Amino acid sequence: MNALLRKDLLAGLAALALGAAVVWISLDYRLGTPARMGPGMFPLALGVVLSLSGLGAALFALRSVEPAPALRVRAMLAVTGALVLFALTVERLGFIPASVILIFVSGLAETPVQWRALALLSVILAPAAYALFVVFLGIPAPAFAWGAP
């Protein structure tokens, strides 16, 4: 049981499992040859690299004596909730108000909450994210859409 509390063991095992799943799924596609790669070759290569990295991390963690950090449930819930709220509000309120909600709710992960820093971050980050994602990358989202669908 003590080995399961090692810092990187669970992350390594998760990466190993994800890599194995990618390898398994990529085998449904044509691999081709190294000279004429098929659609399954790149995911297969990434899955192998991810699996080997996960295996290496897990094996290294077994040799480590550093325990896993404490689980921060509040932080996980705040960040997950912020992402869900962004997804639920971006169409109804627009990109900028949904981004402000995302910033403030994810800011609840820290104690104590730094309200001034979150306000300053919102003023700077929400318009910058709008410029990057909507203006430059062309993602179709209005800046403000109060009460839309």
N, C-alpha and C. Protein backbone atom coordinates (compact mmCIF):
# COMPACT_ATOMS: atom_id res chain seq x y z
N MET A 1 0.82 -1.20 0.00
CA MET A 1 0.00 0.00 0.00
C MET A 1 0.86 1.26 0.00
N ASN A 2 2.00 1.20 0.69
CA ASN A 2 2.88 2.36 0.74
C ASN A 2 3.40 2.72 -0.65
N ALA A 3 3.60 1.73 -1.52
CA ALA A 3 4.09 2.00 -2.87
C ALA A 3 3.08 2.79 -3.69
N LEU A 4 1.79 2.62 -3.40
CA LEU A 4 0.75 3.36 -4.14
C LEU A 4 0.71 4.83 -3.76
N LEU A 5 1.36 5.20 -2.67
CA LEU A 5 1.36 6.59 -2.25
C LEU A 5 2.55 7.35 -2.82
N ARG A 6 3.34 6.72 -3.63
CA ARG A 6 4.49 7.40 -4.22
C ARG A 6 4.01 8.48 -5.17
N LYS A 7 4.82 9.51 -5.29
CA LYS A 7 4.41 10.74 -5.97
C LYS A 7 3.95 10.54 -7.42
N ASP A 8 4.70 9.83 -8.23
CA ASP A 8 4.40 9.75 -9.66
C ASP A 8 3.85 8.40 -10.12
N LEU A 9 3.60 7.51 -9.21
CA LEU A 9 3.17 6.17 -9.62
C LEU A 9 1.82 6.19 -10.32
N LEU A 10 0.83 6.83 -9.72
CA LEU A 10 -0.50 6.83 -10.33
C LEU A 10 -0.52 7.60 -11.65
N ALA A 11 0.24 8.69 -11.73
CA ALA A 11 0.31 9.43 -12.99
C ALA A 11 0.98 8.58 -14.07
N GLY A 12 2.02 7.86 -13.70
CA GLY A 12 2.69 6.98 -14.66
C GLY A 12 1.78 5.86 -15.13
N LEU A 13 1.03 5.27 -14.20
CA LEU A 13 0.11 4.21 -14.58
C LEU A 13 -1.03 4.74 -15.45
N ALA A 14 -1.49 5.95 -15.17
CA ALA A 14 -2.54 6.55 -16.00
C ALA A 14 -2.02 6.82 -17.41
N ALA A 15 -0.80 7.32 -17.52
CA ALA A 15 -0.22 7.56 -18.85
C ALA A 15 -0.01 6.25 -19.59
N LEU A 16 0.42 5.23 -18.87
CA LEU A 16 0.60 3.91 -19.48
C LEU A 16 -0.73 3.37 -20.00
N ALA A 17 -1.78 3.50 -19.21
CA ALA A 17 -3.10 3.02 -19.63
C ALA A 17 -3.63 3.82 -20.82
N LEU A 18 -3.47 5.13 -20.79
CA LEU A 18 -3.94 5.96 -21.90
C LEU A 18 -3.16 5.63 -23.18
N GLY A 19 -1.85 5.49 -23.05
CA GLY A 19 -1.04 5.12 -24.20
C GLY A 19 -1.42 3.77 -24.77
N ALA A 20 -1.68 2.80 -23.90
CA ALA A 20 -2.11 1.48 -24.37
C ALA A 20 -3.45 1.56 -25.09
N ALA A 21 -4.35 2.41 -24.59
CA ALA A 21 -5.65 2.58 -25.25
C ALA A 21 -5.48 3.21 -26.63
N VAL A 22 -4.59 4.19 -26.74
CA VAL A 22 -4.34 4.82 -28.03
C VAL A 22 -3.74 3.81 -29.01
N VAL A 23 -2.81 2.99 -28.53
CA VAL A 23 -2.22 1.95 -29.39
C VAL A 23 -3.32 1.00 -29.85
N TRP A 24 -4.17 0.56 -28.94
CA TRP A 24 -5.25 -0.38 -29.27
C TRP A 24 -6.19 0.20 -30.32
N ILE A 25 -6.58 1.44 -30.14
CA ILE A 25 -7.50 2.09 -31.09
C ILE A 25 -6.82 2.31 -32.43
N SER A 26 -5.53 2.68 -32.41
CA SER A 26 -4.84 2.95 -33.68
C SER A 26 -4.68 1.70 -34.53
N LEU A 27 -4.76 0.52 -33.93
CA LEU A 27 -4.63 -0.71 -34.70
C LEU A 27 -5.85 -0.98 -35.58
N ASP A 28 -6.95 -0.24 -35.37
CA ASP A 28 -8.12 -0.35 -36.23
C ASP A 28 -7.92 0.37 -37.57
N TYR A 29 -6.87 1.19 -37.67
CA TYR A 29 -6.60 1.95 -38.87
C TYR A 29 -5.43 1.35 -39.63
N ARG A 30 -5.37 1.65 -40.89
CA ARG A 30 -4.29 1.15 -41.73
C ARG A 30 -2.99 1.83 -41.30
N LEU A 31 -1.94 1.03 -41.03
CA LEU A 31 -0.67 1.57 -40.58
C LEU A 31 0.21 2.03 -41.74
N GLY A 32 0.21 1.28 -42.84
CA GLY A 32 1.06 1.63 -43.96
C GLY A 32 2.50 1.24 -43.69
N THR A 33 3.41 1.89 -44.40
CA THR A 33 4.84 1.64 -44.23
C THR A 33 5.50 2.93 -43.79
N PRO A 34 6.75 2.87 -43.32
CA PRO A 34 7.43 4.13 -42.96
C PRO A 34 7.53 5.10 -44.14
N ALA A 35 7.62 4.59 -45.35
CA ALA A 35 7.71 5.48 -46.53
C ALA A 35 6.34 6.04 -46.91
N ARG A 36 5.28 5.25 -46.71
CA ARG A 36 3.91 5.69 -47.01
C ARG A 36 3.03 5.40 -45.81
N MET A 37 3.08 6.31 -44.85
CA MET A 37 2.37 6.09 -43.59
C MET A 37 0.86 6.18 -43.80
N GLY A 38 0.17 5.29 -43.10
CA GLY A 38 -1.28 5.30 -43.12
C GLY A 38 -1.81 6.13 -41.95
N PRO A 39 -3.13 6.25 -41.85
CA PRO A 39 -3.72 7.09 -40.81
C PRO A 39 -3.52 6.55 -39.40
N GLY A 40 -3.13 5.30 -39.24
CA GLY A 40 -2.93 4.75 -37.91
C GLY A 40 -1.50 4.82 -37.41
N MET A 41 -0.56 5.19 -38.27
CA MET A 41 0.85 5.18 -37.88
C MET A 41 1.17 6.24 -36.82
N PHE A 42 0.71 7.46 -37.01
CA PHE A 42 1.04 8.53 -36.06
C PHE A 42 0.41 8.28 -34.69
N PRO A 43 -0.88 7.93 -34.60
CA PRO A 43 -1.42 7.63 -33.27
C PRO A 43 -0.73 6.43 -32.62
N LEU A 44 -0.35 5.44 -33.42
CA LEU A 44 0.37 4.30 -32.88
C LEU A 44 1.70 4.74 -32.27
N ALA A 45 2.43 5.57 -32.99
CA ALA A 45 3.73 6.04 -32.48
C ALA A 45 3.53 6.87 -31.21
N LEU A 46 2.54 7.75 -31.19
CA LEU A 46 2.28 8.54 -29.99
C LEU A 46 1.86 7.67 -28.81
N GLY A 47 1.04 6.66 -29.08
CA GLY A 47 0.61 5.75 -28.02
C GLY A 47 1.77 4.97 -27.43
N VAL A 48 2.69 4.54 -28.30
CA VAL A 48 3.86 3.82 -27.81
C VAL A 48 4.74 4.74 -26.96
N VAL A 49 4.97 5.95 -27.44
CA VAL A 49 5.79 6.90 -26.67
C VAL A 49 5.14 7.22 -25.33
N LEU A 50 3.81 7.44 -25.33
CA LEU A 50 3.11 7.73 -24.08
C LEU A 50 3.16 6.53 -23.13
N SER A 51 3.00 5.34 -23.66
CA SER A 51 3.07 4.13 -22.82
C SER A 51 4.45 3.97 -22.21
N LEU A 52 5.48 4.15 -23.01
CA LEU A 52 6.84 4.02 -22.49
C LEU A 52 7.16 5.10 -21.46
N SER A 53 6.67 6.31 -21.71
CA SER A 53 6.88 7.39 -20.73
C SER A 53 6.17 7.08 -19.43
N GLY A 54 4.94 6.59 -19.52
CA GLY A 54 4.20 6.23 -18.33
C GLY A 54 4.85 5.09 -17.57
N LEU A 55 5.34 4.10 -18.31
CA LEU A 55 6.04 2.99 -17.67
C LEU A 55 7.30 3.48 -16.96
N GLY A 56 8.04 4.35 -17.62
CA GLY A 56 9.24 4.91 -17.01
C GLY A 56 8.93 5.71 -15.75
N ALA A 57 7.88 6.53 -15.82
CA ALA A 57 7.50 7.32 -14.64
C ALA A 57 7.05 6.42 -13.49
N ALA A 58 6.30 5.37 -13.82
CA ALA A 58 5.83 4.46 -12.77
C ALA A 58 7.00 3.71 -12.14
N LEU A 59 7.93 3.25 -12.96
CA LEU A 59 9.09 2.54 -12.41
C LEU A 59 9.97 3.47 -11.58
N PHE A 60 10.14 4.69 -12.04
CA PHE A 60 10.91 5.66 -11.27
C PHE A 60 10.22 5.96 -9.94
N ALA A 61 8.89 6.03 -9.97
CA ALA A 61 8.14 6.33 -8.74
C ALA A 61 8.28 5.20 -7.73
N LEU A 62 8.42 3.97 -8.19
CA LEU A 62 8.60 2.86 -7.26
C LEU A 62 9.93 2.95 -6.52
N ARG A 63 10.91 3.59 -7.12
CA ARG A 63 12.20 3.75 -6.47
C ARG A 63 12.25 5.00 -5.60
N SER A 64 11.28 5.89 -5.75
CA SER A 64 11.26 7.14 -4.99
C SER A 64 10.71 6.91 -3.59
N VAL A 65 11.07 7.78 -2.69
CA VAL A 65 10.55 7.69 -1.33
C VAL A 65 9.65 8.87 -1.00
N GLU A 66 9.45 9.75 -1.96
CA GLU A 66 8.62 10.93 -1.73
C GLU A 66 7.14 10.56 -1.82
N PRO A 67 6.34 10.88 -0.79
CA PRO A 67 4.91 10.53 -0.84
C PRO A 67 4.15 11.46 -1.79
N ALA A 68 2.98 11.00 -2.17
CA ALA A 68 2.12 11.81 -3.04
C ALA A 68 1.65 13.05 -2.29
N PRO A 69 1.47 14.17 -2.99
CA PRO A 69 0.95 15.36 -2.32
C PRO A 69 -0.50 15.15 -1.90
N ALA A 70 -0.93 15.95 -0.95
CA ALA A 70 -2.31 15.84 -0.47
C ALA A 70 -3.29 16.15 -1.59
N LEU A 71 -4.37 15.45 -1.63
CA LEU A 71 -5.40 15.66 -2.63
C LEU A 71 -6.15 16.94 -2.31
N ARG A 72 -6.21 17.85 -3.28
CA ARG A 72 -6.88 19.14 -3.08
C ARG A 72 -8.24 19.10 -3.76
N VAL A 73 -9.24 18.61 -3.05
CA VAL A 73 -10.57 18.42 -3.62
C VAL A 73 -11.19 19.76 -4.00
N ARG A 74 -11.02 20.77 -3.16
CA ARG A 74 -11.59 22.09 -3.46
C ARG A 74 -11.05 22.61 -4.79
N ALA A 75 -9.76 22.48 -5.02
CA ALA A 75 -9.17 22.96 -6.26
C ALA A 75 -9.70 22.19 -7.46
N MET A 76 -9.81 20.88 -7.32
CA MET A 76 -10.33 20.07 -8.43
C MET A 76 -11.76 20.44 -8.76
N LEU A 77 -12.58 20.62 -7.74
CA LEU A 77 -13.98 20.99 -7.97
C LEU A 77 -14.11 22.39 -8.55
N ALA A 78 -13.29 23.33 -8.07
CA ALA A 78 -13.36 24.70 -8.57
C ALA A 78 -12.97 24.77 -10.04
N VAL A 79 -11.89 24.13 -10.41
CA VAL A 79 -11.44 24.20 -11.80
C VAL A 79 -12.40 23.44 -12.72
N THR A 80 -12.85 22.27 -12.30
CA THR A 80 -13.81 21.52 -13.11
C THR A 80 -15.12 22.29 -13.24
N GLY A 81 -15.60 22.85 -12.13
CA GLY A 81 -16.82 23.65 -12.17
C GLY A 81 -16.68 24.86 -13.06
N ALA A 82 -15.51 25.50 -13.04
CA ALA A 82 -15.28 26.67 -13.89
C ALA A 82 -15.36 26.31 -15.36
N LEU A 83 -14.79 25.18 -15.73
CA LEU A 83 -14.84 24.75 -17.12
C LEU A 83 -16.27 24.41 -17.56
N VAL A 84 -17.01 23.75 -16.67
CA VAL A 84 -18.40 23.42 -16.99
C VAL A 84 -19.23 24.69 -17.12
N LEU A 85 -19.04 25.64 -16.20
CA LEU A 85 -19.78 26.90 -16.29
C LEU A 85 -19.43 27.67 -17.55
N PHE A 86 -18.17 27.66 -17.95
CA PHE A 86 -17.79 28.32 -19.19
C PHE A 86 -18.53 27.69 -20.37
N ALA A 87 -18.55 26.38 -20.42
CA ALA A 87 -19.22 25.69 -21.52
C ALA A 87 -20.72 25.98 -21.53
N LEU A 88 -21.32 26.11 -20.35
CA LEU A 88 -22.76 26.36 -20.27
C LEU A 88 -23.13 27.82 -20.54
N THR A 89 -22.20 28.75 -20.35
CA THR A 89 -22.55 30.17 -20.47
C THR A 89 -21.98 30.86 -21.70
N VAL A 90 -21.06 30.25 -22.42
CA VAL A 90 -20.42 30.96 -23.52
C VAL A 90 -21.41 31.32 -24.62
N GLU A 91 -22.39 30.48 -24.89
CA GLU A 91 -23.38 30.80 -25.93
C GLU A 91 -24.42 31.80 -25.44
N ARG A 92 -24.79 31.71 -24.18
CA ARG A 92 -25.85 32.59 -23.66
C ARG A 92 -25.35 33.97 -23.30
N LEU A 93 -24.14 34.07 -22.77
CA LEU A 93 -23.63 35.36 -22.31
C LEU A 93 -22.58 35.95 -23.23
N GLY A 94 -21.90 35.11 -23.98
CA GLY A 94 -20.82 35.58 -24.84
C GLY A 94 -19.47 35.15 -24.27
N PHE A 95 -18.44 35.32 -25.09
CA PHE A 95 -17.11 34.82 -24.73
C PHE A 95 -16.51 35.57 -23.54
N ILE A 96 -16.62 36.89 -23.53
CA ILE A 96 -15.98 37.66 -22.46
C ILE A 96 -16.65 37.44 -21.11
N PRO A 97 -17.97 37.51 -20.97
CA PRO A 97 -18.56 37.22 -19.65
C PRO A 97 -18.31 35.77 -19.20
N ALA A 98 -18.35 34.82 -20.12
CA ALA A 98 -18.07 33.44 -19.75
C ALA A 98 -16.62 33.27 -19.30
N SER A 99 -15.71 34.02 -19.92
CA SER A 99 -14.30 33.97 -19.50
C SER A 99 -14.12 34.56 -18.10
N VAL A 100 -14.85 35.63 -17.81
CA VAL A 100 -14.77 36.24 -16.47
C VAL A 100 -15.30 35.24 -15.43
N ILE A 101 -16.38 34.57 -15.73
CA ILE A 101 -16.91 33.55 -14.82
C ILE A 101 -15.88 32.44 -14.63
N LEU A 102 -15.27 32.01 -15.71
CA LEU A 102 -14.23 30.97 -15.64
C LEU A 102 -13.09 31.40 -14.72
N ILE A 103 -12.64 32.62 -14.84
CA ILE A 103 -11.52 33.11 -14.04
C ILE A 103 -11.90 33.18 -12.57
N PHE A 104 -13.07 33.73 -12.27
CA PHE A 104 -13.46 33.88 -10.86
C PHE A 104 -13.75 32.54 -10.19
N VAL A 105 -14.44 31.65 -10.88
CA VAL A 105 -14.75 30.36 -10.26
C VAL A 105 -13.49 29.51 -10.08
N SER A 106 -12.60 29.53 -11.07
CA SER A 106 -11.35 28.78 -10.89
C SER A 106 -10.47 29.41 -9.83
N GLY A 107 -10.63 30.71 -9.60
CA GLY A 107 -9.89 31.38 -8.54
C GLY A 107 -10.31 30.94 -7.15
N LEU A 108 -11.47 30.32 -7.04
CA LEU A 108 -11.93 29.79 -5.75
C LEU A 108 -11.12 28.59 -5.30
N ALA A 109 -10.24 28.10 -6.15
CA ALA A 109 -9.41 26.95 -5.80
C ALA A 109 -8.40 27.31 -4.72
N GLU A 110 -7.98 28.55 -4.68
CA GLU A 110 -6.97 28.98 -3.70
C GLU A 110 -7.63 29.53 -2.45
N THR A 111 -6.98 29.33 -1.33
CA THR A 111 -7.43 29.95 -0.08
C THR A 111 -6.29 30.75 0.50
N PRO A 112 -6.49 31.96 0.87
CA PRO A 112 -7.70 32.74 0.69
C PRO A 112 -7.84 33.20 -0.76
N VAL A 113 -9.07 33.47 -1.15
CA VAL A 113 -9.35 33.93 -2.51
C VAL A 113 -8.83 35.36 -2.64
N GLN A 114 -8.10 35.63 -3.69
CA GLN A 114 -7.53 36.95 -3.95
C GLN A 114 -8.42 37.70 -4.94
N TRP A 115 -9.44 38.36 -4.45
CA TRP A 115 -10.46 38.97 -5.30
C TRP A 115 -9.88 40.05 -6.19
N ARG A 116 -8.97 40.88 -5.68
CA ARG A 116 -8.39 41.95 -6.51
C ARG A 116 -7.57 41.36 -7.66
N ALA A 117 -6.80 40.35 -7.37
CA ALA A 117 -6.00 39.70 -8.41
C ALA A 117 -6.90 39.07 -9.47
N LEU A 118 -8.00 38.46 -9.04
CA LEU A 118 -8.93 37.86 -10.01
C LEU A 118 -9.59 38.93 -10.86
N ALA A 119 -9.93 40.06 -10.26
CA ALA A 119 -10.53 41.16 -11.02
C ALA A 119 -9.55 41.70 -12.06
N LEU A 120 -8.30 41.91 -11.65
CA LEU A 120 -7.28 42.39 -12.58
C LEU A 120 -7.02 41.37 -13.69
N LEU A 121 -6.95 40.12 -13.31
CA LEU A 121 -6.76 39.05 -14.29
C LEU A 121 -7.91 39.01 -15.28
N SER A 122 -9.13 39.20 -14.81
CA SER A 122 -10.30 39.21 -15.69
C SER A 122 -10.24 40.36 -16.69
N VAL A 123 -9.85 41.54 -16.21
CA VAL A 123 -9.80 42.72 -17.07
C VAL A 123 -8.76 42.53 -18.18
N ILE A 124 -7.68 41.83 -17.87
CA ILE A 124 -6.61 41.65 -18.86
C ILE A 124 -6.82 40.38 -19.69
N LEU A 125 -7.15 39.28 -19.03
CA LEU A 125 -7.17 37.99 -19.71
C LEU A 125 -8.39 37.76 -20.59
N ALA A 126 -9.56 38.20 -20.17
CA ALA A 126 -10.77 37.95 -20.96
C ALA A 126 -10.69 38.61 -22.34
N PRO A 127 -10.35 39.91 -22.44
CA PRO A 127 -10.20 40.49 -23.79
C PRO A 127 -9.04 39.89 -24.59
N ALA A 128 -7.95 39.54 -23.89
CA ALA A 128 -6.82 38.93 -24.59
C ALA A 128 -7.21 37.56 -25.16
N ALA A 129 -7.94 36.77 -24.38
CA ALA A 129 -8.39 35.46 -24.85
C ALA A 129 -9.37 35.63 -26.01
N TYR A 130 -10.24 36.63 -25.93
CA TYR A 130 -11.17 36.90 -27.03
C TYR A 130 -10.39 37.25 -28.30
N ALA A 131 -9.39 38.11 -28.16
CA ALA A 131 -8.59 38.49 -29.32
C ALA A 131 -7.88 37.27 -29.92
N LEU A 132 -7.33 36.43 -29.07
CA LEU A 132 -6.60 35.27 -29.56
C LEU A 132 -7.52 34.26 -30.23
N PHE A 133 -8.56 33.84 -29.50
CA PHE A 133 -9.38 32.74 -30.00
C PHE A 133 -10.41 33.16 -31.05
N VAL A 134 -11.04 34.30 -30.86
CA VAL A 134 -12.11 34.70 -31.77
C VAL A 134 -11.57 35.51 -32.94
N VAL A 135 -10.76 36.53 -32.63
CA VAL A 135 -10.29 37.41 -33.70
C VAL A 135 -9.21 36.73 -34.54
N PHE A 136 -8.16 36.23 -33.88
CA PHE A 136 -7.02 35.69 -34.63
C PHE A 136 -7.26 34.27 -35.13
N LEU A 137 -7.83 33.40 -34.30
CA LEU A 137 -8.03 32.01 -34.71
C LEU A 137 -9.38 31.77 -35.39
N GLY A 138 -10.28 32.74 -35.31
CA GLY A 138 -11.53 32.65 -36.04
C GLY A 138 -12.59 31.75 -35.43
N ILE A 139 -12.53 31.49 -34.14
CA ILE A 139 -13.56 30.69 -33.50
C ILE A 139 -14.84 31.52 -33.43
N PRO A 140 -15.95 31.00 -33.93
CA PRO A 140 -17.18 31.80 -33.98
C PRO A 140 -17.85 31.92 -32.61
N ALA A 141 -17.58 33.00 -31.93
CA ALA A 141 -18.21 33.26 -30.63
C ALA A 141 -18.34 34.77 -30.47
N PRO A 142 -19.53 35.24 -30.13
CA PRO A 142 -19.68 36.68 -29.93
C PRO A 142 -19.02 37.13 -28.62
N ALA A 143 -18.59 38.38 -28.57
CA ALA A 143 -17.98 38.90 -27.34
C ALA A 143 -19.04 38.95 -26.24
N PHE A 144 -20.22 39.47 -26.57
CA PHE A 144 -21.33 39.56 -25.63
C PHE A 144 -22.59 39.07 -26.34
N ALA A 145 -23.37 38.25 -25.69
CA ALA A 145 -24.60 37.74 -26.29
C ALA A 145 -25.63 37.55 -25.18
N TRP A 146 -26.02 38.62 -24.54
CA TRP A 146 -26.91 38.52 -23.39
C TRP A 146 -28.22 37.88 -23.79
N GLY A 147 -28.50 36.72 -23.23
CA GLY A 147 -29.77 36.05 -23.42
C GLY A 147 -29.94 35.35 -24.76
N ALA A 148 -28.88 35.15 -25.51
CA ALA A 148 -28.98 34.40 -26.77
C ALA A 148 -29.30 32.94 -26.46
N PRO A 149 -29.43 32.07 -27.47
CA PRO A 149 -29.96 30.72 -27.32
C PRO A 149 -29.71 30.20 -25.99
